[in-house]
Amino acid sequence: MCSKIVSQFNEVLESFLDQLSPTIGTKYANKFRFYVSMDTTMAIEKFLVHAIPLREKIINRDETYFTSPECSDKATDNNTISEIVQMQSIYGKLNKESKKNLWDIFQALLLLGEEYIKVTRLRNLQ
């Protein structure tokens, strides 16, 4: 079950990055595929570290999630996977429709991430 959630998360994010490629180029999609090929759980775990504390901003579609400096990743690394799951440098380049789609995607990713946490906790209890 856990691997299915991770797979769905990665598919949704990869598809979204591919859709954005005319606007932002292919750098993020290509690097995402590279990182996922090395560690399938890296993206969902990076996303959760950043998104869970800011869950309400995602649910409420609060643009400060993408634009506010205090919402940037608190981790010490600044690698591309962090940029991808935060979308801070990407958000400003999007048109209104793409921003709406981004919120839809981020809410879906959040739900998958929360399900991943539940399944992981249950598995660890057994």
Protein backbone atom coordinates (compact mmCIF):
# COMPACT_ATOMS: atom_id res chain seq x y z
CA MET A 1 0.00 0.00 0.00
CA CYS A 2 2.78 2.42 0.90
CA SER A 3 4.61 1.88 -2.39
CA LYS A 4 1.34 2.46 -4.27
CA ILE A 5 0.89 5.84 -2.55
CA VAL A 6 4.49 6.82 -3.31
CA SER A 7 4.03 5.77 -6.92
CA GLN A 8 0.83 7.80 -7.24
CA PHE A 9 2.49 10.83 -5.63
CA ASN A 10 5.45 10.61 -8.02
CA GLU A 11 3.19 10.14 -11.05
CA VAL A 12 1.06 13.16 -10.17
CA LEU A 13 4.07 15.40 -9.57
CA GLU A 14 5.93 14.19 -12.66
CA SER A 15 2.87 14.70 -14.85
CA PHE A 16 2.39 18.19 -13.47
CA LEU A 17 6.04 19.10 -14.10
CA ASP A 18 5.70 17.80 -17.66
CA GLN A 19 2.59 19.97 -18.14
CA LEU A 20 4.50 22.99 -16.88
CA SER A 21 7.50 22.41 -19.14
CA PRO A 22 6.36 24.93 -21.81
CA THR A 23 6.37 27.58 -19.05
CA ILE A 24 9.31 26.54 -16.86
CA GLY A 25 11.37 24.31 -19.14
CA THR A 26 12.28 20.67 -18.62
CA LYS A 27 14.98 21.12 -15.94
CA TYR A 28 12.67 20.30 -13.04
CA ALA A 29 10.97 17.34 -14.71
CA ASN A 30 14.29 15.83 -15.76
CA LYS A 31 15.89 16.27 -12.34
CA PHE A 32 12.75 14.94 -10.65
CA ARG A 33 12.93 11.76 -12.74
CA PHE A 34 16.62 11.41 -11.87
CA TYR A 35 16.04 11.77 -8.13
CA VAL A 36 13.06 9.40 -8.15
CA SER A 37 15.11 6.80 -10.01
CA MET A 38 17.58 6.87 -7.11
CA ASP A 39 15.07 7.08 -4.22
CA THR A 40 11.34 6.76 -4.86
CA THR A 41 10.35 8.18 -1.48
CA MET A 42 12.55 11.29 -1.56
CA ALA A 43 9.97 13.59 -3.16
CA ILE A 44 7.06 12.64 -0.91
CA GLU A 45 9.22 12.91 2.19
CA LYS A 46 10.64 16.31 1.18
CA PHE A 47 7.14 17.51 0.37
CA LEU A 48 5.79 16.38 3.73
CA VAL A 49 8.59 18.05 5.70
CA HIS A 50 7.69 21.31 4.03
CA ALA A 51 3.92 20.93 3.54
CA ILE A 52 2.66 19.46 6.81
CA PRO A 53 3.56 22.52 8.94
CA LEU A 54 1.90 24.67 6.26
CA ARG A 55 -1.07 22.36 5.69
CA GLU A 56 -3.66 25.08 6.29
CA LYS A 57 -2.03 27.32 3.67
CA ILE A 58 -2.40 24.54 1.10
CA ILE A 59 -5.99 23.75 2.09
CA ASN A 60 -6.93 27.46 1.98
CA ARG A 61 -4.94 28.13 -1.21
CA ASP A 62 -3.01 30.83 0.59
CA GLU A 63 -0.49 32.26 -1.91
CA THR A 64 1.96 33.05 0.88
CA TYR A 65 2.78 29.33 0.78
CA PHE A 66 4.70 30.10 -2.42
CA THR A 67 5.70 33.71 -1.91
CA SER A 68 6.55 34.25 1.76
CA PRO A 69 10.18 33.84 2.89
CA GLU A 70 9.07 32.24 6.18
CA CYS A 71 7.40 29.50 4.16
CA SER A 72 10.64 28.50 2.45
CA ASP A 73 12.29 25.21 3.30
CA LYS A 74 13.89 25.22 6.73
CA ALA A 75 16.20 22.38 5.76
CA THR A 76 19.85 23.13 5.19
CA ASP A 77 19.95 21.63 1.72
CA ASN A 78 18.92 23.64 -1.30
CA ASN A 79 18.72 20.88 -3.86
CA THR A 80 16.39 20.74 -6.81
CA ILE A 81 13.94 18.33 -5.19
CA SER A 82 13.28 20.93 -2.48
CA GLU A 83 12.69 23.56 -5.17
CA ILE A 84 10.29 21.23 -6.95
CA VAL A 85 8.15 20.40 -3.94
CA GLN A 86 8.05 24.02 -2.80
CA MET A 87 7.47 25.59 -6.24
CA GLN A 88 8.49 29.01 -4.91
CA SER A 89 10.60 29.91 -7.94
CA ILE A 90 8.00 28.42 -10.27
CA TYR A 91 4.76 29.91 -8.90
CA GLY A 92 5.40 33.48 -10.09
CA LYS A 93 5.84 32.31 -13.68
CA LEU A 94 2.38 30.73 -13.90
CA ASN A 95 -0.80 32.18 -15.35
CA LYS A 96 -4.08 32.20 -13.39
CA GLU A 97 -5.31 28.85 -14.74
CA SER A 98 -1.96 27.16 -14.06
CA LYS A 99 -1.97 28.53 -10.51
CA LYS A 100 -5.44 27.03 -9.98
CA ASN A 101 -4.18 23.71 -11.30
CA LEU A 102 -1.15 23.92 -9.06
CA TRP A 103 -3.39 24.29 -6.00
CA ASP A 104 -5.44 21.29 -7.13
CA ILE A 105 -2.25 19.27 -7.53
CA PHE A 106 -0.79 20.40 -4.19
CA GLN A 107 -4.00 19.50 -2.37
CA ALA A 108 -3.93 16.07 -4.02
CA LEU A 109 -0.26 15.66 -3.08
CA LEU A 110 -1.06 16.67 0.49
CA LEU A 111 -3.82 14.04 0.71
CA LEU A 112 -1.48 11.38 -0.69
CA GLY A 113 1.20 12.50 1.74
CA GLU A 114 -1.14 12.28 4.71
CA GLU A 115 -2.19 8.80 3.61
CA TYR A 116 1.50 7.86 3.30
CA ILE A 117 2.07 8.99 6.90
CA LYS A 118 -0.88 6.90 8.14
CA VAL A 119 0.22 3.79 6.30
CA THR A 120 3.84 4.21 7.38
CA ARG A 121 2.81 4.61 11.03
CA LEU A 122 0.56 1.57 10.89
CA ARG A 123 3.30 -0.50 9.29
CA ASN A 124 5.77 0.60 11.98
CA LEU A 125 3.33 -0.40 14.75
CA GLN A 126 3.03 -3.96 13.44
